[in-house]
Amino acid sequence: MINVLIVDDHPSVGQGTKTIIETETDIKARVVTVVNEAMEIIKNDNFEIYLIDLYMPEINGIELTKMILKVDPEARVLIYSGFDLIAHYNFLIEAGVAGLISKTATKEQLIIAIRCAMRDEAVIPLQLLTQLRRINTEPSSSEGKQNLGDISLSSKEQQILDGIANGLTNKVIAIDLRMSQRTIEYHLTKIFLKLGVGSRTEALLKAKEFGLLSKQLM
């Protein structure tokens, strides 16, 4: 039996994915919507495959992957996202993911991704494969450290970061910017990746260090 843990902050998506993969008689899935709960489950139960959403509030799928691998170094983690993954490819590979699968994938593609991961075969979308040569894999400096000049935030990302600095929740920021909460989570994950952090608190500390907050918030 292949045991799969699905971590997705949207219950309907997680349950839908569970229903799809459990049509296979040798696959059993469990759904978790809260990261902290997921980590407790991982410490006490064994899973062959972890199907992780990339964009989640508070912590992203990349940081969760690292946490899972610390507990279970042999874990096979598949990032399952409805957003473009090309920009994050290097971060995903460095985190140790076993494959990438789109939420728009067919049932057949999803099952194949799970079975390939079980055979220790990497799975990435063809569109991403054809883009790899365009991705710069060189470190930002000889010491591998981030410099201020390496980080550039879009106007939306700046507004979201300032909202976090003001103590606003994702929901409130979404209302203020007239965006969906899911879109805020997407931009927030991009901010985390640019700053090389895994939480809102770390993002604020790094932003202050690099002088990225609006002057009135410094």
Protein backbone atom coordinates (compact mmCIF):
# COMPACT_ATOMS: atom_id res chain seq x y z
CA MET A 1 0.00 0.00 0.00
CA ILE A 2 1.29 3.49 -0.91
CA ASN A 3 0.48 5.91 1.90
CA VAL A 4 0.21 9.55 0.82
CA LEU A 5 -0.03 12.63 3.03
CA ILE A 6 -1.66 15.60 1.30
CA VAL A 7 -0.92 19.01 2.85
CA ASP A 8 -3.10 21.77 1.40
CA ASP A 9 -4.65 24.69 3.27
CA HIS A 10 -7.77 24.46 1.08
CA PRO A 11 -9.84 21.49 2.42
CA SER A 12 -11.86 21.08 -0.78
CA VAL A 13 -8.71 20.78 -2.89
CA GLY A 14 -7.16 18.31 -0.48
CA GLN A 15 -10.28 16.13 -0.31
CA GLY A 16 -10.69 16.26 -4.08
CA THR A 17 -7.11 15.10 -4.57
CA LYS A 18 -7.62 12.33 -2.02
CA THR A 19 -10.71 11.11 -3.88
CA ILE A 20 -8.83 11.07 -7.17
CA ILE A 21 -5.80 9.09 -6.03
CA GLU A 22 -7.78 6.64 -3.89
CA THR A 23 -9.47 5.33 -7.03
CA GLU A 24 -6.25 3.30 -7.21
CA THR A 25 -6.68 0.28 -4.94
CA ASP A 26 -3.07 0.37 -3.73
CA ILE A 27 -2.99 4.04 -2.72
CA LYS A 28 -4.37 5.48 0.52
CA ALA A 29 -4.31 9.20 1.32
CA ARG A 30 -4.72 11.44 4.35
CA VAL A 31 -5.43 15.18 4.15
CA VAL A 32 -4.05 17.87 6.47
CA THR A 33 -4.79 21.58 6.17
CA VAL A 34 -2.60 22.96 8.99
CA VAL A 35 1.20 22.77 8.79
CA ASN A 36 1.74 22.30 12.54
CA GLU A 37 -0.70 19.39 12.54
CA ALA A 38 1.10 17.93 9.53
CA MET A 39 4.44 17.96 11.36
CA GLU A 40 2.93 16.17 14.36
CA ILE A 41 1.46 13.49 12.09
CA ILE A 42 4.78 13.07 10.26
CA LYS A 43 6.60 12.47 13.53
CA ASN A 44 4.23 9.66 14.47
CA ASP A 45 3.18 8.07 11.16
CA ASN A 46 4.99 6.83 8.08
CA PHE A 47 4.15 7.93 4.54
CA GLU A 48 5.77 6.95 1.27
CA ILE A 49 4.72 10.12 -0.55
CA TYR A 50 4.09 13.70 0.60
CA LEU A 51 1.95 15.81 -1.74
CA ILE A 52 2.56 19.41 -0.67
CA ASP A 53 0.93 22.65 -1.81
CA LEU A 54 3.54 25.33 -2.60
CA TYR A 55 1.61 28.42 -1.52
CA MET A 56 0.24 28.27 2.02
CA PRO A 57 -0.18 30.93 4.73
CA GLU A 58 2.57 31.32 7.34
CA ILE A 59 4.92 28.78 5.73
CA ASN A 60 5.47 27.74 2.11
CA GLY A 61 5.87 24.30 0.61
CA ILE A 62 9.62 24.70 0.20
CA GLU A 63 10.22 25.30 3.90
CA LEU A 64 7.78 22.51 4.81
CA THR A 65 9.72 20.16 2.52
CA LYS A 66 12.91 20.96 4.42
CA MET A 67 11.15 20.31 7.73
CA ILE A 68 9.79 16.98 6.50
CA LEU A 69 13.21 15.84 5.28
CA LYS A 70 14.75 16.64 8.66
CA VAL A 71 12.26 14.26 10.27
CA ASP A 72 12.32 11.71 7.44
CA PRO A 73 15.44 12.01 5.22
CA GLU A 74 14.07 9.32 2.89
CA ALA A 75 10.78 11.16 2.28
CA ARG A 76 9.60 11.65 -1.30
CA VAL A 77 7.99 15.07 -1.56
CA LEU A 78 5.95 16.16 -4.58
CA ILE A 79 5.11 19.86 -4.87
CA TYR A 80 1.50 20.21 -6.03
CA SER A 81 0.64 23.72 -7.21
CA GLY A 82 -1.77 25.63 -9.42
CA PHE A 83 0.79 28.39 -10.04
CA ASP A 84 3.82 28.70 -12.31
CA LEU A 85 6.79 26.82 -10.81
CA ILE A 86 9.54 27.89 -13.23
CA ALA A 87 10.67 30.88 -11.15
CA HIS A 88 11.09 28.66 -8.07
CA TYR A 89 12.74 25.64 -9.70
CA ASN A 90 16.17 26.09 -8.09
CA PHE A 91 14.68 26.60 -4.64
CA LEU A 92 12.55 23.48 -5.05
CA ILE A 93 15.45 21.28 -6.14
CA GLU A 94 17.71 22.61 -3.39
CA ALA A 95 14.96 21.85 -0.86
CA GLY A 96 15.01 18.20 -1.96
CA VAL A 97 11.67 17.72 -3.71
CA ALA A 98 11.18 14.53 -5.71
CA GLY A 99 8.95 16.07 -8.35
CA LEU A 100 6.58 18.82 -9.42
CA ILE A 101 2.98 18.35 -10.48
CA SER A 102 0.38 20.94 -11.50
CA LYS A 103 -3.08 21.03 -9.94
CA THR A 104 -4.39 21.17 -13.50
CA ALA A 105 -2.87 17.74 -14.21
CA THR A 106 -5.14 14.86 -15.15
CA LYS A 107 -5.81 11.94 -12.82
CA GLU A 108 -3.45 9.82 -14.93
CA GLN A 109 -0.65 12.36 -14.65
CA LEU A 110 -1.07 12.63 -10.89
CA ILE A 111 -1.00 8.86 -10.40
CA ILE A 112 2.04 8.54 -12.69
CA ALA A 113 3.85 11.23 -10.66
CA ILE A 114 3.21 9.30 -7.44
CA ARG A 115 4.32 5.96 -8.90
CA CYS A 116 7.44 7.50 -10.47
CA ALA A 117 8.39 9.05 -7.13
CA MET A 118 8.02 5.62 -5.53
CA ARG A 119 10.65 4.37 -8.01
CA ASP A 120 12.91 7.32 -7.13
CA GLU A 121 12.33 8.84 -10.56
CA ALA A 122 12.08 12.63 -10.77
CA VAL A 123 8.95 14.10 -12.31
CA ILE A 124 8.74 17.64 -13.73
CA PRO A 125 6.35 19.18 -16.29
CA LEU A 126 7.66 19.20 -19.88
CA GLN A 127 7.10 22.96 -20.08
CA LEU A 128 9.46 23.42 -17.14
CA LEU A 129 12.03 21.04 -18.59
CA THR A 130 12.29 23.13 -21.77
CA GLN A 131 12.85 26.28 -19.69
CA LEU A 132 15.68 24.98 -17.50
CA ARG A 133 18.47 26.29 -19.69
CA ARG A 134 17.14 29.82 -19.09
CA ILE A 135 17.48 29.56 -15.34
CA ASN A 136 20.60 31.02 -13.76
CA THR A 137 22.06 28.46 -11.37
CA GLU A 138 25.09 30.48 -10.27
CA PRO A 139 25.23 31.62 -6.62
CA SER A 140 24.58 35.29 -5.95
CA SER A 141 28.14 35.75 -4.65
CA SER A 142 31.30 33.74 -4.07
CA GLU A 143 30.29 33.29 -0.45
CA GLY A 144 26.71 32.34 -1.32
CA LYS A 145 25.31 35.29 0.60
CA GLN A 146 22.46 37.57 -0.41
CA ASN A 147 23.26 41.20 -1.12
CA LEU A 148 20.83 44.11 -1.07
CA GLY A 149 21.28 44.55 -4.81
CA ASP A 150 20.06 40.98 -5.40
CA ILE A 151 16.59 41.69 -3.98
CA SER A 152 13.92 43.62 -5.82
CA LEU A 153 10.27 43.71 -4.75
CA SER A 154 7.37 44.54 -7.03
CA SER A 155 4.95 47.27 -5.94
CA LYS A 156 2.41 44.64 -4.86
CA GLU A 157 5.03 42.70 -2.91
CA GLN A 158 6.09 45.96 -1.22
CA GLN A 159 2.49 46.71 -0.22
CA ILE A 160 2.05 43.21 1.18
CA LEU A 161 5.32 43.40 3.11
CA ASP A 162 4.30 46.76 4.56
CA GLY A 163 0.94 45.26 5.51
CA ILE A 164 2.70 42.46 7.38
CA ALA A 165 4.88 45.03 9.13
CA ASN A 166 1.68 46.77 10.28
CA GLY A 167 0.49 43.49 11.79
CA LEU A 168 -2.24 42.86 9.25
CA THR A 169 -3.46 39.34 8.45
CA ASN A 170 -3.48 37.95 4.91
CA LYS A 171 -7.27 38.36 4.85
CA VAL A 172 -7.13 42.05 5.77
CA ILE A 173 -4.30 42.71 3.29
CA ALA A 174 -6.36 41.01 0.59
CA ILE A 175 -9.33 43.28 1.32
CA ASP A 176 -7.16 46.41 1.38
CA LEU A 177 -5.50 45.56 -1.94
CA ARG A 178 -8.69 44.20 -3.51
CA MET A 179 -7.07 40.85 -4.21
CA SER A 180 -7.98 37.29 -3.29
CA GLN A 181 -6.40 35.81 -0.20
CA ARG A 182 -4.91 33.08 -2.38
CA THR A 183 -3.15 35.72 -4.50
CA ILE A 184 -1.77 37.34 -1.34
CA GLU A 185 -0.39 33.93 -0.28
CA TYR A 186 1.18 33.54 -3.73
CA HIS A 187 2.94 36.92 -3.49
CA LEU A 188 3.91 36.27 0.12
CA THR A 189 5.65 33.05 -0.86
CA LYS A 190 7.54 34.95 -3.59
CA ILE A 191 8.65 37.45 -0.94
CA PHE A 192 9.83 34.60 1.31
CA LEU A 193 11.82 33.09 -1.56
CA LYS A 194 13.43 36.40 -2.51
CA LEU A 195 14.45 37.04 1.10
CA GLY A 196 15.50 33.43 1.71
CA VAL A 197 13.19 33.03 4.72
CA GLY A 198 10.36 30.72 5.74
CA SER A 199 8.07 32.83 7.93
CA ARG A 200 6.51 36.27 8.28
CA THR A 201 8.69 37.09 11.30
CA GLU A 202 11.89 36.17 9.47
CA ALA A 203 10.73 38.16 6.44
CA LEU A 204 10.30 41.29 8.55
CA LEU A 205 13.70 40.89 10.18
CA LYS A 206 15.42 40.42 6.82
CA ALA A 207 13.46 43.29 5.26
CA LYS A 208 14.54 45.63 8.06
CA GLU A 209 18.13 44.45 7.69
CA PHE A 210 18.08 45.24 3.96
CA GLY A 211 16.06 48.45 4.34
CA LEU A 212 13.16 47.13 2.28
CA LEU A 213 10.32 48.45 4.42
CA SER A 214 8.67 51.77 3.65
CA LYS A 215 10.42 54.64 5.45
CA GLN A 216 7.53 55.24 7.85
CA LEU A 217 7.86 51.64 9.05
CA MET A 218 11.64 51.58 9.48
